[in-house]
Amino acid sequence: MEKQINLGGRLVGDGCDPYFIAEIGINHNGDLAVAKRLIDASFAIGWDCAKFQKRTPDIAVPESQKNVMRTTPWGEMTYLEYKKRIEFGKEEYDYIDKYCREKPLAWTASPWDIPSLEFLLNYDIPFIKLASATNGSTELIKKACASGKPIIMSTGMSTQEELDKAVDLLDRFSNGNFALLHTNSVYPAPIDELNLKYIQTLKKRYGCVVGYSGHEQNLEPTVAAVTLGADIVERHVTLSHDMWGTDQKASLEINAMYLLYRRCRDIKRMLGDGEKKLEEDELQVRKKLRVEEK
């Protein structure tokens, strides 16, 4: 039986093309003009969805980090002040929603707390993405499932036992309407710690649609992930690695995002269905070269 999930009218999973999520995240640095350029680029190179991150900093920032001083392009400030400085609110998301619909390009965001989830549900987003940093929050998982939206959850920062618990919640409260993304949450992720074979383990263990959220600095691991069965691809996108920000170095610039899209689409076509067959092109070659026994 084929396992699929419907993301905004697009079937994703067995027998489908990969679904590509361009993770803009916080790479806009609080600048709507930068966000707009990243949306433009994601649409132009064929990615399916632009994704942001939504926080209520007073809730989402750990207490131990709130007063840590940070050097930023806007001067010295606490980590909490920095997070507030780059956070988009209703005005920005109203614009993002309108701008993406005009293209059209799907968009969504990862809520890091309950108020952020409630905020996002004011928009017709195709799915809710739960980040690795929040996949241990029972309340957030249950509230996300109660929305009726499909859930995509990253599996980083978790033990197997913790992940079993989170997936049990997803299975029970979303009626199985979820997908998992294998990921290593180090930015950038070391290639010898990617453990890409775990994609196959996730598929066997949970019987759901599985994808890959990559934080490595090159393209090959993500292509390999698709070869191993990833049906969703999520990569951070940036205008330039030289931009200020914690995620820029683990992101891909636009040309690399385009190359990755093409390679992943091609790999999916190359893999086929595993059945032995003679296509018409090969039959024509056979007629020219093969001497048939009488």
C-alpha atoms as a PDB file:
ATOM      1  CA  MET A   1       0.000   0.000   0.000  1.00  0.00           C
ATOM      2  CA  GLU A   2       1.389   3.388  -0.990  1.00  0.00           C
ATOM      3  CA  LYS A   3       1.976   5.903   1.819  1.00  0.00           C
ATOM      4  CA  GLN A   4       1.212   9.496   0.883  1.00  0.00           C
ATOM      5  CA  ILE A   5       0.353  12.797   2.520  1.00  0.00           C
ATOM      6  CA  ASN A   6      -1.546  15.745   1.035  1.00  0.00           C
ATOM      7  CA  LEU A   7       0.293  19.058   1.404  1.00  0.00           C
ATOM      8  CA  GLY A   8      -1.928  21.858   0.151  1.00  0.00           C
ATOM      9  CA  GLY A   9      -3.379  19.778  -2.669  1.00  0.00           C
ATOM     10  CA  ARG A  10      -0.064  18.190  -3.609  1.00  0.00           C
ATOM     11  CA  LEU A  11       0.303  14.457  -2.952  1.00  0.00           C
ATOM     12  CA  VAL A  12       3.694  13.629  -1.487  1.00  0.00           C
ATOM     13  CA  GLY A  13       5.187  10.206  -0.837  1.00  0.00           C
ATOM     14  CA  ASP A  14       5.338   6.891  -2.693  1.00  0.00           C
ATOM     15  CA  GLY A  15       5.062   7.339  -6.443  1.00  0.00           C
ATOM     16  CA  CYS A  16       5.280  11.145  -6.256  1.00  0.00           C
ATOM     17  CA  ASP A  17       7.931  13.725  -7.056  1.00  0.00           C
ATOM     18  CA  PRO A  18       9.863  15.010  -4.033  1.00  0.00           C
ATOM     19  CA  TYR A  19       8.365  17.991  -2.213  1.00  0.00           C
ATOM     20  CA  PHE A  20      10.886  20.828  -1.820  1.00  0.00           C
ATOM     21  CA  ILE A  21      10.785  23.182   1.182  1.00  0.00           C
ATOM     22  CA  ALA A  22      13.006  26.282   0.973  1.00  0.00           C
ATOM     23  CA  GLU A  23      13.778  27.120   4.604  1.00  0.00           C
ATOM     24  CA  ILE A  24      14.106  30.905   4.750  1.00  0.00           C
ATOM     25  CA  GLY A  25      13.892  30.629   8.523  1.00  0.00           C
ATOM     26  CA  ILE A  26      15.482  33.706  10.067  1.00  0.00           C
ATOM     27  CA  ASN A  27      17.930  34.299   7.193  1.00  0.00           C
ATOM     28  CA  HIS A  28      15.961  37.462   6.370  1.00  0.00           C
ATOM     29  CA  ASN A  29      17.447  39.087   9.517  1.00  0.00           C
ATOM     30  CA  GLY A  30      14.180  40.912  10.125  1.00  0.00           C
ATOM     31  CA  ASP A  31      14.259  42.589   6.699  1.00  0.00           C
ATOM     32  CA  LEU A  32      11.117  42.063   4.631  1.00  0.00           C
ATOM     33  CA  ALA A  33      12.936  43.075   1.443  1.00  0.00           C
ATOM     34  CA  VAL A  34      15.404  40.200   1.967  1.00  0.00           C
ATOM     35  CA  ALA A  35      12.530  37.811   2.659  1.00  0.00           C
ATOM     36  CA  LYS A  36      10.862  38.930  -0.569  1.00  0.00           C
ATOM     37  CA  ARG A  37      14.036  38.230  -2.582  1.00  0.00           C
ATOM     38  CA  LEU A  38      14.296  34.764  -1.037  1.00  0.00           C
ATOM     39  CA  ILE A  39      10.644  34.065  -1.868  1.00  0.00           C
ATOM     40  CA  ASP A  40      11.268  35.234  -5.455  1.00  0.00           C
ATOM     41  CA  ALA A  41      14.287  32.954  -5.766  1.00  0.00           C
ATOM     42  CA  SER A  42      12.550  29.926  -4.252  1.00  0.00           C
ATOM     43  CA  PHE A  43       9.672  30.320  -6.688  1.00  0.00           C
ATOM     44  CA  ALA A  44      11.929  30.909  -9.705  1.00  0.00           C
ATOM     45  CA  ILE A  45      13.950  27.715  -9.159  1.00  0.00           C
ATOM     46  CA  GLY A  46      10.892  25.506  -8.726  1.00  0.00           C
ATOM     47  CA  TRP A  47      10.756  24.821  -4.984  1.00  0.00           C
ATOM     48  CA  ASP A  48       7.282  24.031  -3.658  1.00  0.00           C
ATOM     49  CA  CYS A  49       7.158  25.952  -0.384  1.00  0.00           C
ATOM     50  CA  ALA A  50       8.908  28.812   1.418  1.00  0.00           C
ATOM     51  CA  LYS A  51       9.175  28.268   5.164  1.00  0.00           C
ATOM     52  CA  PHE A  52       9.822  30.718   7.992  1.00  0.00           C
ATOM     53  CA  GLN A  53      10.156  30.422  11.778  1.00  0.00           C
ATOM     54  CA  LYS A  54       7.713  32.046  14.209  1.00  0.00           C
ATOM     55  CA  ARG A  55       8.528  32.697  17.850  1.00  0.00           C
ATOM     56  CA  THR A  56       7.223  34.555  20.848  1.00  0.00           C
ATOM     57  CA  PRO A  57      10.735  35.370  22.100  1.00  0.00           C
ATOM     58  CA  ASP A  58       9.744  35.849  25.743  1.00  0.00           C
ATOM     59  CA  ILE A  59       8.456  32.256  25.707  1.00  0.00           C
ATOM     60  CA  ALA A  60      10.659  30.523  23.139  1.00  0.00           C
ATOM     61  CA  VAL A  61      14.084  31.772  24.258  1.00  0.00           C
ATOM     62  CA  PRO A  62      15.484  29.652  27.143  1.00  0.00           C
ATOM     63  CA  GLU A  63      15.950  31.582  30.385  1.00  0.00           C
ATOM     64  CA  SER A  64      19.670  30.801  30.390  1.00  0.00           C
ATOM     65  CA  GLN A  65      20.064  32.572  27.028  1.00  0.00           C
ATOM     66  CA  LYS A  66      17.878  35.638  27.443  1.00  0.00           C
ATOM     67  CA  ASN A  67      20.499  37.929  28.965  1.00  0.00           C
ATOM     68  CA  VAL A  68      23.517  36.621  27.075  1.00  0.00           C
ATOM     69  CA  MET A  69      25.083  39.544  25.238  1.00  0.00           C
ATOM     70  CA  ARG A  70      25.313  39.344  21.478  1.00  0.00           C
ATOM     71  CA  THR A  71      27.220  41.419  18.927  1.00  0.00           C
ATOM     72  CA  THR A  72      24.856  42.152  16.044  1.00  0.00           C
ATOM     73  CA  PRO A  73      24.742  44.469  13.019  1.00  0.00           C
ATOM     74  CA  TRP A  74      22.457  46.663  15.146  1.00  0.00           C
ATOM     75  CA  GLY A  75      24.903  46.904  18.031  1.00  0.00           C
ATOM     76  CA  GLU A  76      25.425  45.065  21.319  1.00  0.00           C
ATOM     77  CA  MET A  77      22.209  43.606  22.732  1.00  0.00           C
ATOM     78  CA  THR A  78      20.956  40.648  24.713  1.00  0.00           C
ATOM     79  CA  TYR A  79      20.009  37.465  22.913  1.00  0.00           C
ATOM     80  CA  LEU A  80      16.349  38.149  23.790  1.00  0.00           C
ATOM     81  CA  GLU A  81      16.532  41.659  22.298  1.00  0.00           C
ATOM     82  CA  TYR A  82      18.164  40.218  19.173  1.00  0.00           C
ATOM     83  CA  LYS A  83      15.392  37.639  18.738  1.00  0.00           C
ATOM     84  CA  LYS A  84      12.755  40.357  19.090  1.00  0.00           C
ATOM     85  CA  ARG A  85      14.644  42.535  16.598  1.00  0.00           C
ATOM     86  CA  ILE A  86      14.446  39.960  13.787  1.00  0.00           C
ATOM     87  CA  GLU A  87      10.952  38.577  14.491  1.00  0.00           C
ATOM     88  CA  PHE A  88       8.253  39.174  11.884  1.00  0.00           C
ATOM     89  CA  GLY A  89       4.765  40.113  13.102  1.00  0.00           C
ATOM     90  CA  LYS A  90       1.301  40.421  11.580  1.00  0.00           C
ATOM     91  CA  GLU A  91       2.164  43.193   9.140  1.00  0.00           C
ATOM     92  CA  GLU A  92       5.053  41.221   7.655  1.00  0.00           C
ATOM     93  CA  TYR A  93       3.181  37.920   7.511  1.00  0.00           C
ATOM     94  CA  ASP A  94       0.148  39.568   5.925  1.00  0.00           C
ATOM     95  CA  TYR A  95       2.484  40.789   3.206  1.00  0.00           C
ATOM     96  CA  ILE A  96       4.209  37.382   2.870  1.00  0.00           C
ATOM     97  CA  ASP A  97       0.829  35.657   2.592  1.00  0.00           C
ATOM     98  CA  LYS A  98      -0.389  38.021  -0.132  1.00  0.00           C
ATOM     99  CA  TYR A  99       2.924  37.995  -1.995  1.00  0.00           C
ATOM    100  CA  CYS A 100       3.196  34.178  -2.058  1.00  0.00           C
ATOM    101  CA  ARG A 101      -0.403  33.767  -3.191  1.00  0.00           C
ATOM    102  CA  GLU A 102       0.193  36.061  -6.139  1.00  0.00           C
ATOM    103  CA  LYS A 103       2.963  33.817  -7.500  1.00  0.00           C
ATOM    104  CA  PRO A 104       1.585  31.253  -6.401  1.00  0.00           C
ATOM    105  CA  LEU A 105       3.984  29.671  -3.909  1.00  0.00           C
ATOM    106  CA  ALA A 106       3.001  27.809  -0.754  1.00  0.00           C
ATOM    107  CA  TRP A 107       4.401  29.143   2.523  1.00  0.00           C
ATOM    108  CA  THR A 108       4.376  28.091   6.138  1.00  0.00           C
ATOM    109  CA  ALA A 109       6.424  28.513   9.313  1.00  0.00           C
ATOM    110  CA  SER A 110       7.670  26.534  12.295  1.00  0.00           C
ATOM    111  CA  PRO A 111       5.906  27.658  15.491  1.00  0.00           C
ATOM    112  CA  TRP A 112       8.188  27.515  18.530  1.00  0.00           C
ATOM    113  CA  ASP A 113       5.409  28.065  21.086  1.00  0.00           C
ATOM    114  CA  ILE A 114       1.612  27.932  21.444  1.00  0.00           C
ATOM    115  CA  PRO A 115       0.925  31.657  20.726  1.00  0.00           C
ATOM    116  CA  SER A 116       3.009  31.373  17.552  1.00  0.00           C
ATOM    117  CA  LEU A 117       1.013  28.322  16.462  1.00  0.00           C
ATOM    118  CA  GLU A 118      -2.240  30.171  17.094  1.00  0.00           C
ATOM    119  CA  PHE A 119      -0.896  33.134  15.125  1.00  0.00           C
ATOM    120  CA  LEU A 120      -0.023  30.970  12.104  1.00  0.00           C
ATOM    121  CA  LEU A 121      -3.446  29.327  12.059  1.00  0.00           C
ATOM    122  CA  ASN A 122      -4.911  32.684  11.019  1.00  0.00           C
ATOM    123  CA  TYR A 123      -3.444  31.894   7.597  1.00  0.00           C
ATOM    124  CA  ASP A 124      -4.309  29.104   5.173  1.00  0.00           C
ATOM    125  CA  ILE A 125      -0.952  27.348   5.463  1.00  0.00           C
ATOM    126  CA  PRO A 126      -0.652  23.893   3.824  1.00  0.00           C
ATOM    127  CA  PHE A 127       0.962  22.211   6.839  1.00  0.00           C
ATOM    128  CA  ILE A 128       2.545  22.854  10.222  1.00  0.00           C
ATOM    129  CA  LYS A 129       6.256  22.191  10.562  1.00  0.00           C
ATOM    130  CA  LEU A 130       7.490  21.217  14.022  1.00  0.00           C
ATOM    131  CA  ALA A 131      11.196  21.944  14.438  1.00  0.00           C
ATOM    132  CA  SER A 132      13.597  19.590  16.197  1.00  0.00           C
ATOM    133  CA  ALA A 133      13.855  22.035  19.091  1.00  0.00           C
ATOM    134  CA  THR A 134      10.108  21.623  19.750  1.00  0.00           C
ATOM    135  CA  ASN A 135       9.531  17.936  19.034  1.00  0.00           C
ATOM    136  CA  GLY A 136       9.641  17.200  22.764  1.00  0.00           C
ATOM    137  CA  SER A 137       6.760  19.558  23.575  1.00  0.00           C
ATOM    138  CA  THR A 138       3.694  17.417  24.221  1.00  0.00           C
ATOM    139  CA  GLU A 139       1.353  20.416  24.386  1.00  0.00           C
ATOM    140  CA  LEU A 140       2.612  21.933  21.134  1.00  0.00           C
ATOM    141  CA  ILE A 141       2.357  18.610  19.294  1.00  0.00           C
ATOM    142  CA  LYS A 142      -1.208  18.042  20.509  1.00  0.00           C
ATOM    143  CA  LYS A 143      -2.284  21.608  19.644  1.00  0.00           C
ATOM    144  CA  ALA A 144      -0.723  21.328  16.183  1.00  0.00           C
ATOM    145  CA  CYS A 145      -2.547  18.065  15.546  1.00  0.00           C
ATOM    146  CA  ALA A 146      -5.841  19.584  16.752  1.00  0.00           C
ATOM    147  CA  SER A 147      -5.606  22.134  13.923  1.00  0.00           C
ATOM    148  CA  GLY A 148      -6.423  19.428  11.389  1.00  0.00           C
ATOM    149  CA  LYS A 149      -3.416  20.485   9.304  1.00  0.00           C
ATOM    150  CA  PRO A 150      -0.858  17.908   8.162  1.00  0.00           C
ATOM    151  CA  ILE A 151       2.178  17.856  10.455  1.00  0.00           C
ATOM    152  CA  ILE A 152       5.801  17.602   9.340  1.00  0.00           C
ATOM    153  CA  MET A 153       8.164  17.031  12.251  1.00  0.00           C
ATOM    154  CA  SER A 154      11.960  17.073  12.257  1.00  0.00           C
ATOM    155  CA  THR A 155      13.586  14.335  14.320  1.00  0.00           C
ATOM    156  CA  GLY A 156      16.840  16.008  15.410  1.00  0.00           C
ATOM    157  CA  MET A 157      17.981  16.438  19.039  1.00  0.00           C
ATOM    158  CA  SER A 158      16.013  13.311  20.056  1.00  0.00           C
ATOM    159  CA  THR A 159      16.779   9.905  21.461  1.00  0.00           C
ATOM    160  CA  GLN A 160      14.936   6.955  19.938  1.00  0.00           C
ATOM    161  CA  GLU A 161      12.759   6.731  23.046  1.00  0.00           C
ATOM    162  CA  GLU A 162      11.863  10.427  22.865  1.00  0.00           C
ATOM    163  CA  LEU A 163      11.051  10.112  19.182  1.00  0.00           C
ATOM    164  CA  ASP A 164       8.838   7.082  19.786  1.00  0.00           C
ATOM    165  CA  LYS A 165       6.856   9.156  22.279  1.00  0.00           C
ATOM    166  CA  ALA A 166       6.506  12.106  19.882  1.00  0.00           C
ATOM    167  CA  VAL A 167       5.449   9.909  16.976  1.00  0.00           C
ATOM    168  CA  ASP A 168       2.920   8.131  19.195  1.00  0.00           C
ATOM    169  CA  LEU A 169       1.353  11.547  19.879  1.00  0.00           C
ATOM    170  CA  LEU A 170       1.340  12.397  16.170  1.00  0.00           C
ATOM    171  CA  ASP A 171      -0.187   9.058  15.284  1.00  0.00           C
ATOM    172  CA  ARG A 172      -2.960   9.321  17.875  1.00  0.00           C
ATOM    173  CA  PHE A 173      -3.863  13.003  17.628  1.00  0.00           C
ATOM    174  CA  SER A 174      -3.384  13.646  13.884  1.00  0.00           C
ATOM    175  CA  ASN A 175      -4.973  10.363  12.745  1.00  0.00           C
ATOM    176  CA  GLY A 176      -1.719   9.495  10.990  1.00  0.00           C
ATOM    177  CA  ASN A 177      -1.664  12.759   9.012  1.00  0.00           C
ATOM    178  CA  PHE A 178       2.040  13.418   9.463  1.00  0.00           C
ATOM    179  CA  ALA A 179       5.513  13.045   7.967  1.00  0.00           C
ATOM    180  CA  LEU A 180       8.953  12.901   9.590  1.00  0.00           C
ATOM    181  CA  LEU A 181      12.184  14.554   8.483  1.00  0.00           C
ATOM    182  CA  HIS A 182      15.486  12.939   9.378  1.00  0.00           C
ATOM    183  CA  THR A 183      17.978  15.622  10.399  1.00  0.00           C
ATOM    184  CA  ASN A 184      21.173  16.359  12.267  1.00  0.00           C
ATOM    185  CA  SER A 185      20.669  19.652  14.114  1.00  0.00           C
ATOM    186  CA  VAL A 186      24.300  20.816  14.060  1.00  0.00           C
ATOM    187  CA  TYR A 187      24.788  23.913  11.847  1.00  0.00           C
ATOM    188  CA  PRO A 188      26.605  22.989   9.647  1.00  0.00           C
ATOM    189  CA  ALA A 189      26.264  19.248  10.158  1.00  0.00           C
ATOM    190  CA  PRO A 190      29.433  17.083   9.908  1.00  0.00           C
ATOM    191  CA  ILE A 191      29.095  14.620   7.035  1.00  0.00           C
ATOM    192  CA  ASP A 192      30.276  11.657   9.141  1.00  0.00           C
ATOM    193  CA  GLU A 193      27.386  12.256  11.580  1.00  0.00           C
ATOM    194  CA  LEU A 194      24.538  12.463   9.040  1.00  0.00           C
ATOM    195  CA  ASN A 195      23.518   8.787   9.399  1.00  0.00           C
ATOM    196  CA  LEU A 196      21.440   8.850   6.217  1.00  0.00           C
ATOM    197  CA  LYS A 197      20.486   5.175   6.513  1.00  0.00           C
ATOM    198  CA  TYR A 198      18.224   6.233   9.364  1.00  0.00           C
ATOM    199  CA  ILE A 199      15.795   7.434   6.663  1.00  0.00           C
ATOM    200  CA  GLN A 200      15.077   3.791   5.871  1.00  0.00           C
ATOM    201  CA  THR A 201      14.793   2.986   9.576  1.00  0.00           C
ATOM    202  CA  LEU A 202      12.177   5.721  10.019  1.00  0.00           C
ATOM    203  CA  LYS A 203      10.123   4.343   7.132  1.00  0.00           C
ATOM    204  CA  LYS A 204      10.183   0.809   8.505  1.00  0.00           C
ATOM    205  CA  ARG A 205       9.619   1.798  12.141  1.00  0.00           C
ATOM    206  CA  TYR A 206       6.742   4.245  11.668  1.00  0.00           C
ATOM    207  CA  GLY A 207       5.282   3.472   8.240  1.00  0.00           C
ATOM    208  CA  CYS A 208       4.924   7.147   7.342  1.00  0.00           C
ATOM    209  CA  VAL A 209       6.172   9.542   4.683  1.00  0.00           C
ATOM    210  CA  VAL A 210       9.796  10.412   5.462  1.00  0.00           C
ATOM    211  CA  GLY A 211      11.964  13.266   4.233  1.00  0.00           C
ATOM    212  CA  TYR A 212      15.305  14.902   4.939  1.00  0.00           C
ATOM    213  CA  SER A 213      16.156  18.293   6.396  1.00  0.00           C
ATOM    214  CA  GLY A 214      19.812  18.939   5.595  1.00  0.00           C
ATOM    215  CA  HIS A 215      22.169  21.332   7.357  1.00  0.00           C
ATOM    216  CA  GLU A 216      25.366  20.229   5.650  1.00  0.00           C
ATOM    217  CA  GLN A 217      27.343  22.581   3.428  1.00  0.00           C
ATOM    218  CA  ASN A 218      27.244  20.552   0.216  1.00  0.00           C
ATOM    219  CA  LEU A 219      24.678  18.903  -2.044  1.00  0.00           C
ATOM    220  CA  GLU A 220      25.617  15.213  -2.157  1.00  0.00           C
ATOM    221  CA  PRO A 221      24.083  14.121   1.192  1.00  0.00           C
ATOM    222  CA  THR A 222      20.669  15.487   0.240  1.00  0.00           C
ATOM    223  CA  VAL A 223      20.808  13.747  -3.149  1.00  0.00           C
ATOM    224  CA  ALA A 224      21.792  10.541  -1.351  1.00  0.00           C
ATOM    225  CA  ALA A 225      18.852  11.053   1.028  1.00  0.00           C
ATOM    226  CA  VAL A 226      16.441  11.054  -1.921  1.00  0.00           C
ATOM    227  CA  THR A 227      18.129   7.883  -3.225  1.00  0.00           C
ATOM    228  CA  LEU A 228      17.471   6.293   0.174  1.00  0.00           C
ATOM    229  CA  GLY A 229      13.782   7.177   0.042  1.00  0.00           C
ATOM    230  CA  ALA A 230      13.351  10.767   1.239  1.00  0.00           C
ATOM    231  CA  ASP A 231      10.150  12.183  -0.293  1.00  0.00           C
ATOM    232  CA  ILE A 232      10.477  15.657   1.246  1.00  0.00           C
ATOM    233  CA  VAL A 233      13.583  17.822   0.946  1.00  0.00           C
ATOM    234  CA  GLU A 234      14.134  20.805   3.231  1.00  0.00           C
ATOM    235  CA  ARG A 235      17.199  23.032   2.925  1.00  0.00           C
ATOM    236  CA  HIS A 236      17.978  26.485   4.287  1.00  0.00           C
ATOM    237  CA  VAL A 237      18.324  29.144   1.595  1.00  0.00           C
ATOM    238  CA  THR A 238      20.370  32.346   1.731  1.00  0.00           C
ATOM    239  CA  LEU A 239      21.246  35.182  -0.601  1.00  0.00           C
ATOM    240  CA  SER A 240      24.892  34.898   0.469  1.00  0.00           C
ATOM    241  CA  HIS A 241      26.968  32.922   2.950  1.00  0.00           C
ATOM    242  CA  ASP A 242      28.592  36.238   3.844  1.00  0.00           C
ATOM    243  CA  MET A 243      25.376  37.623   5.304  1.00  0.00           C
ATOM    244  CA  TRP A 244      25.236  37.977   9.087  1.00  0.00           C
ATOM    245  CA  GLY A 245      23.368  35.274  10.983  1.00  0.00           C
ATOM    246  CA  THR A 246      23.776  31.920  12.686  1.00  0.00           C
ATOM    247  CA  ASP A 247      22.173  29.870   9.891  1.00  0.00           C
ATOM    248  CA  GLN A 248      23.799  31.430   6.812  1.00  0.00           C
ATOM    249  CA  LYS A 249      26.811  29.098   6.662  1.00  0.00           C
ATOM    250  CA  ALA A 250      24.607  25.983   6.820  1.00  0.00           C
ATOM    251  CA  SER A 251      22.377  27.342   4.044  1.00  0.00           C
ATOM    252  CA  LEU A 252      22.609  27.068   0.266  1.00  0.00           C
ATOM    253  CA  GLU A 253      22.867  30.039  -2.060  1.00  0.00           C
ATOM    254  CA  ILE A 254      20.333  30.281  -4.880  1.00  0.00           C
ATOM    255  CA  ASN A 255      22.355  28.582  -7.607  1.00  0.00           C
ATOM    256  CA  ALA A 256      23.124  25.647  -5.323  1.00  0.00           C
ATOM    257  CA  MET A 257      19.427  25.361  -4.449  1.00  0.00           C
ATOM    258  CA  TYR A 258      18.620  25.149  -8.157  1.00  0.00           C
ATOM    259  CA  LEU A 259      21.293  22.504  -8.771  1.00  0.00           C
ATOM    260  CA  LEU A 260      20.019  20.488  -5.816  1.00  0.00           C
ATOM    261  CA  TYR A 261      16.437  20.654  -7.085  1.00  0.00           C
ATOM    262  CA  ARG A 262      17.463  19.363 -10.508  1.00  0.00           C
ATOM    263  CA  ARG A 263      19.630  16.572  -9.091  1.00  0.00           C
ATOM    264  CA  CYS A 264      16.969  15.337  -6.689  1.00  0.00           C
ATOM    265  CA  ARG A 265      14.297  15.365  -9.396  1.00  0.00           C
ATOM    266  CA  ASP A 266      16.626  13.495 -11.763  1.00  0.00           C
ATOM    267  CA  ILE A 267      17.561  10.901  -9.117  1.00  0.00           C
ATOM    268  CA  LYS A 268      13.889  10.159  -8.498  1.00  0.00           C
ATOM    269  CA  ARG A 269      13.387   9.562 -12.223  1.00  0.00           C
ATOM    270  CA  MET A 270      16.524   7.390 -12.451  1.00  0.00           C
ATOM    271  CA  LEU A 271      15.442   5.082  -9.638  1.00  0.00           C
ATOM    272  CA  GLY A 272      12.302   3.863 -11.434  1.00  0.00           C
ATOM    273  CA  ASP A 273      10.007   1.284  -9.847  1.00  0.00           C
ATOM    274  CA  GLY A 274      12.365  -1.683  -9.487  1.00  0.00           C
ATOM    275  CA  GLU A 275      10.559  -3.844 -12.057  1.00  0.00           C
ATOM    276  CA  LYS A 276      12.389  -5.337 -15.042  1.00  0.00           C
ATOM    277  CA  LYS A 277      11.043  -3.871 -18.272  1.00  0.00           C
ATOM    278  CA  LEU A 278      11.991  -3.063 -21.847  1.00  0.00           C
ATOM    279  CA  GLU A 279      11.116   0.486 -22.820  1.00  0.00           C
ATOM    280  CA  GLU A 280      10.431   1.370 -26.449  1.00  0.00           C
ATOM    281  CA  ASP A 281      13.872   2.979 -26.941  1.00  0.00           C
ATOM    282  CA  GLU A 282      15.643  -0.198 -25.809  1.00  0.00           C
ATOM    283  CA  LEU A 283      13.347  -2.367 -27.911  1.00  0.00           C
ATOM    284  CA  GLN A 284      14.484  -0.451 -30.987  1.00  0.00           C
ATOM    285  CA  VAL A 285      18.127  -1.103 -30.082  1.00  0.00           C
ATOM    286  CA  ARG A 286      17.299  -4.784 -29.565  1.00  0.00           C
ATOM    287  CA  LYS A 287      15.863  -5.020 -33.063  1.00  0.00           C
ATOM    288  CA  LYS A 288      19.126  -3.687 -34.499  1.00  0.00           C
ATOM    289  CA  LEU A 289      21.615  -5.671 -32.416  1.00  0.00           C
ATOM    290  CA  ARG A 290      20.119  -8.870 -31.069  1.00  0.00           C
ATOM    291  CA  VAL A 291      20.099 -12.064 -33.117  1.00  0.00           C
ATOM    292  CA  GLU A 292      16.998 -13.948 -32.077  1.00  0.00           C
ATOM    293  CA  GLU A 293      17.170 -17.756 -31.834  1.00  0.00           C
ATOM    294  CA  LYS A 294      15.066 -19.654 -34.349  1.00  0.00           C
END
